[in-house]
Amino acid sequence: MTEEKGLFANVENEQKSSTEQQSNVTDTSLEFPETNNYLAFNCSRVNQRQTRLDIRRRDGTGTIIYYGYIATIEYSSNETISLIYQDSVFTFSGKNLKKLREALQDERVRYVQEALINIQVEPGQPIIESITQTHLRAE
């Protein structure tokens, strides 16, 4: 890393260092299909806010949305979370979703992913059994 000199040198050097540290982190979240280790969601490793949320469906399709455009997060107990987003409502249904809701509220979740059908998880582990997207009509 080359050191910057000047009025804003400390800020630029810290940004470069932070970027280099983040690029050295291996993203194991993409190993789900190969290892069969299911994770309902993944938070940033450094507890920093994310700008986008990757919503992954079990069929391999997905949607990436910007946190800044989520208008509301609604939930019912620990089994349902709905994100009201510009023209859609994304609903996650499952079990033990309290930690997911808390992390979404803090914008720390990198991705959520729907579990494969009939997958077994440890008791108390979060599982997203279904992800639905409802398109809102403009009136």
Protein backbone atom coordinates (compact mmCIF):
# COMPACT_ATOMS: atom_id res chain seq x y z
CA MET A 1 0.00 0.00 0.00
CA THR A 2 1.37 3.42 -0.92
CA GLU A 3 1.01 6.13 1.68
CA GLU A 4 -0.77 9.33 0.63
CA LYS A 5 0.58 12.64 1.87
CA GLY A 6 -1.26 15.89 2.23
CA LEU A 7 -4.26 17.48 3.89
CA PHE A 8 -6.56 14.42 3.67
CA ALA A 9 -3.82 11.79 3.82
CA ASN A 10 -5.03 10.11 7.01
CA VAL A 11 -8.57 9.68 5.67
CA GLU A 12 -7.38 8.32 2.33
CA ASN A 13 -4.85 5.96 3.95
CA GLU A 14 -7.54 4.61 6.32
CA GLN A 15 -9.95 4.08 3.39
CA LYS A 16 -7.28 2.22 1.41
CA SER A 17 -6.42 0.06 4.41
CA SER A 18 -10.10 -0.73 5.05
CA THR A 19 -10.65 -1.61 1.37
CA GLU A 20 -7.58 -3.86 1.34
CA GLN A 21 -8.72 -5.65 4.50
CA GLN A 22 -12.20 -6.23 3.03
CA SER A 23 -10.80 -7.57 -0.23
CA ASN A 24 -8.69 -10.10 1.72
CA VAL A 25 -11.79 -11.62 3.37
CA THR A 26 -12.88 -14.82 1.66
CA ASP A 27 -16.62 -14.91 0.98
CA THR A 28 -17.70 -18.38 2.06
CA SER A 29 -21.37 -17.48 1.67
CA LEU A 30 -21.33 -18.72 -1.90
CA GLU A 31 -20.42 -22.25 -0.81
CA PHE A 32 -24.02 -23.21 0.11
CA PRO A 33 -24.79 -25.42 -2.92
CA GLU A 34 -21.54 -27.37 -2.76
CA THR A 35 -21.28 -27.97 0.99
CA ASN A 36 -24.97 -28.31 1.93
CA ASN A 37 -24.32 -26.10 4.96
CA TYR A 38 -27.39 -23.90 5.04
CA LEU A 39 -27.29 -20.36 6.40
CA ALA A 40 -30.55 -18.40 6.28
CA PHE A 41 -28.62 -15.14 6.14
CA ASN A 42 -25.13 -13.68 6.32
CA CYS A 43 -24.09 -10.47 8.06
CA SER A 44 -21.07 -8.37 7.27
CA ARG A 45 -18.03 -9.61 9.16
CA VAL A 46 -17.05 -6.17 10.35
CA ASN A 47 -20.55 -5.11 11.49
CA GLN A 48 -20.69 -2.35 8.94
CA ARG A 49 -23.83 -1.28 7.13
CA GLN A 50 -24.45 -2.81 3.76
CA THR A 51 -25.79 -0.87 0.77
CA ARG A 52 -27.49 -3.82 -0.94
CA LEU A 53 -29.33 -6.96 0.07
CA ASP A 54 -29.10 -10.11 -2.07
CA ILE A 55 -32.32 -12.14 -1.88
CA ARG A 56 -31.56 -15.70 -3.06
CA ARG A 57 -34.26 -18.17 -3.99
CA ARG A 58 -33.86 -21.93 -3.87
CA ASP A 59 -34.26 -22.20 -7.67
CA GLY A 60 -31.06 -20.21 -8.18
CA THR A 61 -32.73 -16.90 -9.07
CA GLY A 62 -32.34 -13.81 -6.97
CA THR A 63 -32.94 -10.11 -6.57
CA ILE A 64 -30.54 -7.51 -5.27
CA ILE A 65 -32.19 -4.50 -3.64
CA TYR A 66 -30.84 -1.31 -2.12
CA TYR A 67 -31.42 -0.84 1.60
CA GLY A 68 -32.07 2.87 1.04
CA TYR A 69 -35.28 2.07 -0.84
CA ILE A 70 -36.80 -0.21 1.80
CA ALA A 71 -39.72 1.79 3.18
CA THR A 72 -40.85 -0.53 5.97
CA ILE A 73 -39.96 -3.81 7.64
CA GLU A 74 -42.99 -5.65 9.00
CA TYR A 75 -42.85 -8.84 11.03
CA SER A 76 -45.06 -11.30 12.85
CA SER A 77 -43.49 -13.14 15.77
CA ASN A 78 -40.28 -14.86 14.68
CA GLU A 79 -41.79 -16.54 11.61
CA THR A 80 -42.54 -13.84 9.03
CA ILE A 81 -40.66 -10.74 7.84
CA SER A 82 -41.88 -8.49 5.03
CA LEU A 83 -39.78 -5.81 3.34
CA ILE A 84 -41.88 -3.14 1.63
CA TYR A 85 -39.72 -1.99 -1.25
CA GLN A 86 -40.58 0.58 -3.97
CA ASP A 87 -42.79 -1.61 -6.19
CA SER A 88 -42.70 -4.94 -4.35
CA VAL A 89 -43.16 -6.67 -1.03
CA PHE A 90 -40.63 -9.40 -0.24
CA THR A 91 -41.86 -11.82 2.42
CA PHE A 92 -39.61 -14.30 4.22
CA SER A 93 -41.41 -17.09 6.06
CA GLY A 94 -39.66 -19.58 8.30
CA LYS A 95 -38.59 -20.18 11.87
CA ASN A 96 -36.31 -18.42 14.36
CA LEU A 97 -36.07 -15.22 12.31
CA LYS A 98 -35.62 -12.75 15.19
CA LYS A 99 -31.86 -12.33 14.62
CA LEU A 100 -32.48 -11.82 10.90
CA ARG A 101 -35.04 -9.10 11.65
CA GLU A 102 -32.64 -7.34 14.01
CA ALA A 103 -29.79 -7.49 11.49
CA LEU A 104 -32.05 -6.22 8.67
CA GLN A 105 -33.10 -3.33 10.89
CA ASP A 106 -29.42 -2.39 11.27
CA GLU A 107 -28.74 -2.90 7.51
CA ARG A 108 -26.03 -5.49 8.23
CA VAL A 109 -27.38 -8.43 6.19
CA ARG A 110 -25.48 -9.20 2.98
CA TYR A 111 -27.86 -11.91 1.77
CA VAL A 112 -30.86 -14.01 2.73
CA GLN A 113 -31.47 -17.38 1.14
CA GLU A 114 -34.38 -19.73 0.89
CA ALA A 115 -33.73 -23.24 2.18
CA LEU A 116 -33.90 -26.28 -0.02
CA ILE A 117 -37.08 -28.30 0.48
CA ASN A 118 -36.86 -30.80 3.37
CA ILE A 119 -33.51 -29.47 4.61
CA GLN A 120 -32.80 -30.21 8.26
CA VAL A 121 -31.31 -27.54 10.52
CA GLU A 122 -30.24 -27.56 14.15
CA PRO A 123 -32.96 -26.62 16.67
CA GLY A 124 -33.02 -22.86 17.14
CA GLN A 125 -31.16 -22.16 13.88
CA PRO A 126 -32.90 -19.67 11.56
CA ILE A 127 -34.47 -21.12 8.45
CA ILE A 128 -36.24 -19.35 5.60
CA GLU A 129 -38.74 -21.85 4.22
CA SER A 130 -40.15 -19.54 1.55
CA ILE A 131 -39.46 -16.21 -0.10
CA THR A 132 -42.28 -14.54 -1.99
CA GLN A 133 -42.32 -11.33 -3.99
CA THR A 134 -45.59 -9.49 -4.53
CA HIS A 135 -45.53 -6.68 -7.09
CA LEU A 136 -47.45 -3.58 -6.06
CA ARG A 137 -49.59 -1.91 -8.66
CA ALA A 138 -49.43 1.83 -9.20
CA GLU A 139 -52.88 3.35 -8.66
